[in-house]
Amino acid sequence: MDMLDRKTFEGWMRRIMERLDRQDELIAALTGKERKPEKEVKLLDGERLFDNQDLCLLLQVSKRSLQRYRSIGVLPYHMLRHKTYYKESDVLAFITEHIKEFKKEDVERYKARIQTSV
């Protein structure tokens, strides 16, 4: 399997965020409710941080799976004010090293979801 490089990862993240933004706008339009302010991007050492929800959406896994990855030491994390965050570089390294461990059909479904968001 080809190695996932930073440029590819950033492209995937940009497409995911754009799709989520479009869904938020559609829901706001359908419900007549005002859209919430943009989520603040948190940084650590100049690097973007992902919270559990961000990473669950990205990897298409449960919060329990993230806990398992943290517990066995394959996914580095940081605790800030009792909340778990993951550095972008650590996430990229995790995906690069462990993407083969995900079921092949899950990876293909994930790729398809990303491509439809373009």
C-alpha atoms as a PDB file:
ATOM      1  CA  MET A   1       0.000   0.000   0.000  1.00  0.00           C
ATOM      2  CA  ASP A   2       1.300   3.447  -0.818  1.00  0.00           C
ATOM      3  CA  MET A   3       2.482   5.584   2.053  1.00  0.00           C
ATOM      4  CA  LEU A   4       0.125   8.364   3.005  1.00  0.00           C
ATOM      5  CA  ASP A   5       2.003  11.635   2.737  1.00  0.00           C
ATOM      6  CA  ARG A   6       1.277  14.894   4.503  1.00  0.00           C
ATOM      7  CA  LYS A   7      -0.090  16.577   1.359  1.00  0.00           C
ATOM      8  CA  THR A   8      -2.600  13.768   0.798  1.00  0.00           C
ATOM      9  CA  PHE A   9      -3.605  13.814   4.449  1.00  0.00           C
ATOM     10  CA  GLU A  10      -4.124  17.582   4.428  1.00  0.00           C
ATOM     11  CA  GLY A  11      -6.182  17.276   1.242  1.00  0.00           C
ATOM     12  CA  TRP A  12      -8.386  14.648   2.865  1.00  0.00           C
ATOM     13  CA  MET A  13      -8.848  16.780   5.964  1.00  0.00           C
ATOM     14  CA  ARG A  14      -9.703  19.863   3.902  1.00  0.00           C
ATOM     15  CA  ARG A  15     -12.337  17.911   1.938  1.00  0.00           C
ATOM     16  CA  ILE A  16     -13.813  16.434   5.117  1.00  0.00           C
ATOM     17  CA  MET A  17     -14.053  19.855   6.756  1.00  0.00           C
ATOM     18  CA  GLU A  18     -15.615  21.392   3.632  1.00  0.00           C
ATOM     19  CA  ARG A  19     -18.217  18.636   3.539  1.00  0.00           C
ATOM     20  CA  LEU A  20     -19.031  19.077   7.223  1.00  0.00           C
ATOM     21  CA  ASP A  21     -19.368  22.831   6.686  1.00  0.00           C
ATOM     22  CA  ARG A  22     -21.792  22.254   3.792  1.00  0.00           C
ATOM     23  CA  GLN A  23     -23.842  19.864   5.920  1.00  0.00           C
ATOM     24  CA  ASP A  24     -23.979  22.404   8.748  1.00  0.00           C
ATOM     25  CA  GLU A  25     -25.199  25.074   6.331  1.00  0.00           C
ATOM     26  CA  LEU A  26     -27.847  22.753   4.884  1.00  0.00           C
ATOM     27  CA  ILE A  27     -29.122  21.777   8.332  1.00  0.00           C
ATOM     28  CA  ALA A  28     -29.234  25.429   9.386  1.00  0.00           C
ATOM     29  CA  ALA A  29     -31.173  26.338   6.241  1.00  0.00           C
ATOM     30  CA  LEU A  30     -33.649  23.478   6.704  1.00  0.00           C
ATOM     31  CA  THR A  31     -34.258  24.143  10.382  1.00  0.00           C
ATOM     32  CA  GLY A  32     -34.193  27.926  10.129  1.00  0.00           C
ATOM     33  CA  LYS A  33     -31.634  28.037  12.914  1.00  0.00           C
ATOM     34  CA  GLU A  34     -28.591  30.223  12.826  1.00  0.00           C
ATOM     35  CA  ARG A  35     -25.302  28.429  12.226  1.00  0.00           C
ATOM     36  CA  LYS A  36     -22.955  28.137  15.201  1.00  0.00           C
ATOM     37  CA  PRO A  37     -19.705  30.085  15.072  1.00  0.00           C
ATOM     38  CA  GLU A  38     -16.757  28.263  13.521  1.00  0.00           C
ATOM     39  CA  LYS A  39     -15.033  25.784  15.802  1.00  0.00           C
ATOM     40  CA  GLU A  40     -11.820  27.214  17.156  1.00  0.00           C
ATOM     41  CA  VAL A  41      -8.737  25.436  15.827  1.00  0.00           C
ATOM     42  CA  LYS A  42      -6.516  24.486  18.721  1.00  0.00           C
ATOM     43  CA  LEU A  43      -2.760  24.411  18.286  1.00  0.00           C
ATOM     44  CA  LEU A  44       0.079  22.851  20.269  1.00  0.00           C
ATOM     45  CA  ASP A  45       3.649  23.768  19.337  1.00  0.00           C
ATOM     46  CA  GLY A  46       2.249  25.392  16.178  1.00  0.00           C
ATOM     47  CA  GLU A  47       0.556  22.153  15.142  1.00  0.00           C
ATOM     48  CA  ARG A  48      -3.186  21.574  14.726  1.00  0.00           C
ATOM     49  CA  LEU A  49      -4.863  19.431  17.380  1.00  0.00           C
ATOM     50  CA  PHE A  50      -7.750  17.040  16.814  1.00  0.00           C
ATOM     51  CA  ASP A  51     -10.165  16.100  19.576  1.00  0.00           C
ATOM     52  CA  ASN A  52     -11.874  12.702  19.904  1.00  0.00           C
ATOM     53  CA  GLN A  53     -14.835  13.742  17.770  1.00  0.00           C
ATOM     54  CA  ASP A  54     -12.595  15.038  14.958  1.00  0.00           C
ATOM     55  CA  LEU A  55     -10.562  11.846  14.937  1.00  0.00           C
ATOM     56  CA  CYS A  56     -13.603   9.558  15.120  1.00  0.00           C
ATOM     57  CA  LEU A  57     -14.977  11.282  12.014  1.00  0.00           C
ATOM     58  CA  LEU A  58     -11.654  11.141  10.211  1.00  0.00           C
ATOM     59  CA  LEU A  59     -10.882   7.490  10.910  1.00  0.00           C
ATOM     60  CA  GLN A  60     -14.505   6.300  10.991  1.00  0.00           C
ATOM     61  CA  VAL A  61     -13.961   4.586  14.348  1.00  0.00           C
ATOM     62  CA  SER A  62     -15.633   4.786  17.739  1.00  0.00           C
ATOM     63  CA  LYS A  63     -14.347   6.670  20.771  1.00  0.00           C
ATOM     64  CA  ARG A  64     -13.687   3.287  22.346  1.00  0.00           C
ATOM     65  CA  SER A  65     -11.371   2.384  19.452  1.00  0.00           C
ATOM     66  CA  LEU A  66      -9.421   5.597  20.003  1.00  0.00           C
ATOM     67  CA  GLN A  67      -9.129   4.685  23.692  1.00  0.00           C
ATOM     68  CA  ARG A  68      -7.799   1.258  22.711  1.00  0.00           C
ATOM     69  CA  TYR A  69      -5.212   2.806  20.371  1.00  0.00           C
ATOM     70  CA  ARG A  70      -4.093   5.137  23.169  1.00  0.00           C
ATOM     71  CA  SER A  71      -3.960   2.323  25.739  1.00  0.00           C
ATOM     72  CA  ILE A  72      -1.745   0.073  23.629  1.00  0.00           C
ATOM     73  CA  GLY A  73       0.527   3.025  22.840  1.00  0.00           C
ATOM     74  CA  VAL A  74       0.081   3.256  19.061  1.00  0.00           C
ATOM     75  CA  LEU A  75      -1.664   6.637  19.087  1.00  0.00           C
ATOM     76  CA  PRO A  76       0.119   9.424  20.986  1.00  0.00           C
ATOM     77  CA  TYR A  77      -2.125  11.950  22.711  1.00  0.00           C
ATOM     78  CA  HIS A  78      -2.056  15.013  24.940  1.00  0.00           C
ATOM     79  CA  MET A  79      -4.351  15.911  27.830  1.00  0.00           C
ATOM     80  CA  LEU A  80      -5.264  19.591  28.038  1.00  0.00           C
ATOM     81  CA  ARG A  81      -7.737  20.644  30.734  1.00  0.00           C
ATOM     82  CA  HIS A  82      -8.994  17.057  31.100  1.00  0.00           C
ATOM     83  CA  LYS A  83      -9.666  16.710  27.362  1.00  0.00           C
ATOM     84  CA  THR A  84      -7.816  14.427  24.958  1.00  0.00           C
ATOM     85  CA  TYR A  85      -6.150  15.882  21.867  1.00  0.00           C
ATOM     86  CA  TYR A  86      -4.034  14.427  19.077  1.00  0.00           C
ATOM     87  CA  LYS A  87      -1.314  16.312  17.168  1.00  0.00           C
ATOM     88  CA  GLU A  88      -1.724  16.347  13.385  1.00  0.00           C
ATOM     89  CA  SER A  89       1.741  14.825  12.863  1.00  0.00           C
ATOM     90  CA  ASP A  90       0.939  11.986  15.294  1.00  0.00           C
ATOM     91  CA  VAL A  91      -2.329  11.270  13.474  1.00  0.00           C
ATOM     92  CA  LEU A  92      -0.539  11.234  10.127  1.00  0.00           C
ATOM     93  CA  ALA A  93       2.111   8.855  11.512  1.00  0.00           C
ATOM     94  CA  PHE A  94      -0.591   6.604  12.996  1.00  0.00           C
ATOM     95  CA  ILE A  95      -2.466   6.414   9.690  1.00  0.00           C
ATOM     96  CA  THR A  96       0.739   5.791   7.746  1.00  0.00           C
ATOM     97  CA  GLU A  97       1.885   3.005  10.067  1.00  0.00           C
ATOM     98  CA  HIS A  98      -1.439   1.337  10.862  1.00  0.00           C
ATOM     99  CA  ILE A  99      -3.754   1.872   7.896  1.00  0.00           C
ATOM    100  CA  LYS A 100      -3.081  -1.726   6.782  1.00  0.00           C
ATOM    101  CA  GLU A 101      -4.559  -2.948  10.076  1.00  0.00           C
ATOM    102  CA  PHE A 102      -7.967  -1.543   9.189  1.00  0.00           C
ATOM    103  CA  LYS A 103     -10.199  -3.910   7.258  1.00  0.00           C
ATOM    104  CA  LYS A 104      -9.744  -3.472   3.534  1.00  0.00           C
ATOM    105  CA  GLU A 105     -13.478  -2.944   2.953  1.00  0.00           C
ATOM    106  CA  ASP A 106     -13.544  -0.214   5.625  1.00  0.00           C
ATOM    107  CA  VAL A 107     -10.627   1.635   4.007  1.00  0.00           C
ATOM    108  CA  GLU A 108     -12.329   1.530   0.602  1.00  0.00           C
ATOM    109  CA  ARG A 109     -15.611   2.795   2.089  1.00  0.00           C
ATOM    110  CA  TYR A 110     -13.717   5.595   3.844  1.00  0.00           C
ATOM    111  CA  LYS A 111     -11.961   6.607   0.623  1.00  0.00           C
ATOM    112  CA  ALA A 112     -15.313   6.626  -1.198  1.00  0.00           C
ATOM    113  CA  ARG A 113     -16.830   8.907   1.460  1.00  0.00           C
ATOM    114  CA  ILE A 114     -13.950  11.320   1.089  1.00  0.00           C
ATOM    115  CA  GLN A 115     -14.208  11.369  -2.719  1.00  0.00           C
ATOM    116  CA  THR A 116     -17.958  12.084  -2.640  1.00  0.00           C
ATOM    117  CA  SER A 117     -17.320  15.132  -0.487  1.00  0.00           C
ATOM    118  CA  VAL A 118     -15.357  16.884  -3.234  1.00  0.00           C
END
